Amino acid sequence: MAKEFYTERDIEDMFKRGQTALELSDDVVLTELAYEKAQRLGVKLIARHDTPPAAPIRPYISMSVAPAQPSNPAPQPQPDDLRKRVQAAVAAKLGTQVDPALLDAILSRVIEALEKK
């Protein structure tokens, strides 16, 4: 069976005709803009799972298989070295748009979480 593609315009037209629901299946494809338009207009998208069209489905992420460990793992950077490298990268990318105290607090939480692993 051929796939049906819906664009933002198709959703608008459907809504104007009074259709307030669309059943989704493997043969129905919505563009990202169509999905967003349906959300804004309140058109109910009936599907097995509520996944935006641009969101990839990655079942392998939830798999409980342990990743293979390299025989010679790369040395992990020290927390202070990592903190300085990230701060430098953020400063290079965003300049003064980021509050240094906020960035330092975020880095502290991330580094602490990494050390717990």
Protein backbone atom coordinates (compact mmCIF):
# COMPACT_ATOMS: atom_id res chain seq x y z
CA MET A 1 0.00 0.00 0.00
CA ALA A 2 1.28 3.49 -0.83
CA LYS A 3 2.16 5.87 1.96
CA GLU A 4 0.04 8.98 2.56
CA PHE A 5 2.03 12.13 3.22
CA TYR A 6 0.51 15.03 5.15
CA THR A 7 1.95 18.52 5.10
CA GLU A 8 1.15 21.54 7.23
CA ARG A 9 -1.30 22.69 4.55
CA ASP A 10 -3.08 19.30 4.54
CA ILE A 11 -3.59 19.55 8.31
CA GLU A 12 -4.97 23.10 7.96
CA ASP A 13 -7.40 22.00 5.24
CA MET A 14 -8.47 18.98 7.27
CA PHE A 15 -9.12 21.20 10.30
CA LYS A 16 -11.15 23.68 8.21
CA ARG A 17 -13.35 20.79 7.01
CA GLY A 18 -14.06 19.95 10.66
CA GLN A 19 -11.91 16.85 10.94
CA THR A 20 -10.30 16.97 14.38
CA ALA A 21 -8.52 13.61 14.49
CA LEU A 22 -6.13 11.70 12.28
CA GLU A 23 -5.25 8.04 12.73
CA LEU A 24 -1.57 7.42 12.20
CA SER A 25 -0.09 4.16 10.98
CA ASP A 26 3.03 2.96 9.21
CA ASP A 27 1.45 4.15 5.95
CA VAL A 28 0.73 7.69 7.17
CA VAL A 29 3.63 10.13 7.22
CA LEU A 30 3.47 13.63 8.70
CA THR A 31 6.07 16.27 8.05
CA GLU A 32 7.52 17.95 11.12
CA LEU A 33 5.55 21.12 10.33
CA ALA A 34 2.35 19.09 9.91
CA TYR A 35 2.89 17.52 13.31
CA GLU A 36 3.43 20.93 14.91
CA LYS A 37 0.38 22.40 13.13
CA ALA A 38 -1.78 19.54 14.37
CA GLN A 39 -0.57 20.19 17.91
CA ARG A 40 -1.33 23.93 17.63
CA LEU A 41 -4.81 23.39 16.14
CA GLY A 42 -5.70 20.66 18.62
CA VAL A 43 -6.02 17.96 15.97
CA LYS A 44 -5.76 14.65 17.79
CA LEU A 45 -3.15 12.33 16.32
CA ILE A 46 -4.12 8.77 17.15
CA ALA A 47 -1.02 6.59 17.18
CA ARG A 48 0.59 3.65 18.96
CA HIS A 49 3.23 5.97 20.42
CA ASP A 50 3.52 9.75 20.68
CA THR A 51 6.71 10.35 18.76
CA PRO A 52 7.24 13.46 16.62
CA PRO A 53 8.03 12.61 13.00
CA ALA A 54 11.62 13.84 13.22
CA ALA A 55 12.39 11.81 16.34
CA PRO A 56 14.28 8.65 15.48
CA ILE A 57 13.23 5.40 17.07
CA ARG A 58 16.28 3.75 18.57
CA PRO A 59 15.37 0.48 20.25
CA TYR A 60 19.02 -0.34 20.72
CA ILE A 61 19.37 2.43 23.33
CA SER A 62 17.23 0.54 25.81
CA MET A 63 18.97 -2.78 25.18
CA SER A 64 20.72 -4.19 28.23
CA VAL A 65 23.77 -5.44 26.34
CA ALA A 66 27.00 -4.12 27.83
CA PRO A 67 29.18 -2.30 25.32
CA ALA A 68 32.49 -3.89 24.42
CA GLN A 69 35.36 -2.45 26.41
CA PRO A 70 38.46 -1.45 24.46
CA SER A 71 41.63 -3.25 25.50
CA ASN A 72 43.51 0.05 25.95
CA PRO A 73 40.95 2.67 27.00
CA ALA A 74 41.92 6.28 26.40
CA PRO A 75 43.00 8.10 29.53
CA GLN A 76 40.19 10.10 31.05
CA PRO A 77 40.82 13.82 31.48
CA GLN A 78 41.09 15.04 35.04
CA PRO A 79 38.08 17.02 36.34
CA ASP A 80 40.01 20.33 36.48
CA ASP A 81 41.36 19.83 32.97
CA LEU A 82 37.90 18.92 31.70
CA ARG A 83 36.34 21.93 33.44
CA LYS A 84 38.88 24.31 31.85
CA ARG A 85 38.43 22.81 28.39
CA VAL A 86 34.63 23.07 28.56
CA GLN A 87 34.77 26.63 29.92
CA ALA A 88 37.13 27.62 27.09
CA ALA A 89 34.89 25.98 24.48
CA VAL A 90 31.77 27.71 25.85
CA ALA A 91 33.56 31.07 25.96
CA ALA A 92 34.75 30.60 22.37
CA LYS A 93 31.27 29.68 21.18
CA LEU A 94 29.06 32.00 23.25
CA GLY A 95 31.39 34.72 24.50
CA THR A 96 29.89 36.66 27.41
CA GLN A 97 26.34 35.36 26.90
CA VAL A 98 26.79 32.78 29.66
CA ASP A 99 27.10 33.66 33.34
CA PRO A 100 30.42 32.17 34.54
CA ALA A 101 28.96 31.25 37.94
CA LEU A 102 26.08 29.39 36.30
CA LEU A 103 28.44 27.57 33.95
CA ASP A 104 30.67 26.60 36.87
CA ALA A 105 27.67 25.25 38.82
CA ILE A 106 26.53 23.20 35.82
CA LEU A 107 30.02 21.81 35.25
CA SER A 108 30.32 20.87 38.92
CA ARG A 109 27.11 18.84 38.73
CA VAL A 110 28.10 17.13 35.48
CA ILE A 111 31.60 16.27 36.67
CA GLU A 112 30.23 14.97 39.96
CA ALA A 113 27.77 12.75 38.07
CA LEU A 114 30.56 11.48 35.81
CA GLU A 115 32.73 10.60 38.80
CA LYS A 116 29.93 8.50 40.26
CA LYS A 117 29.87 6.26 37.21
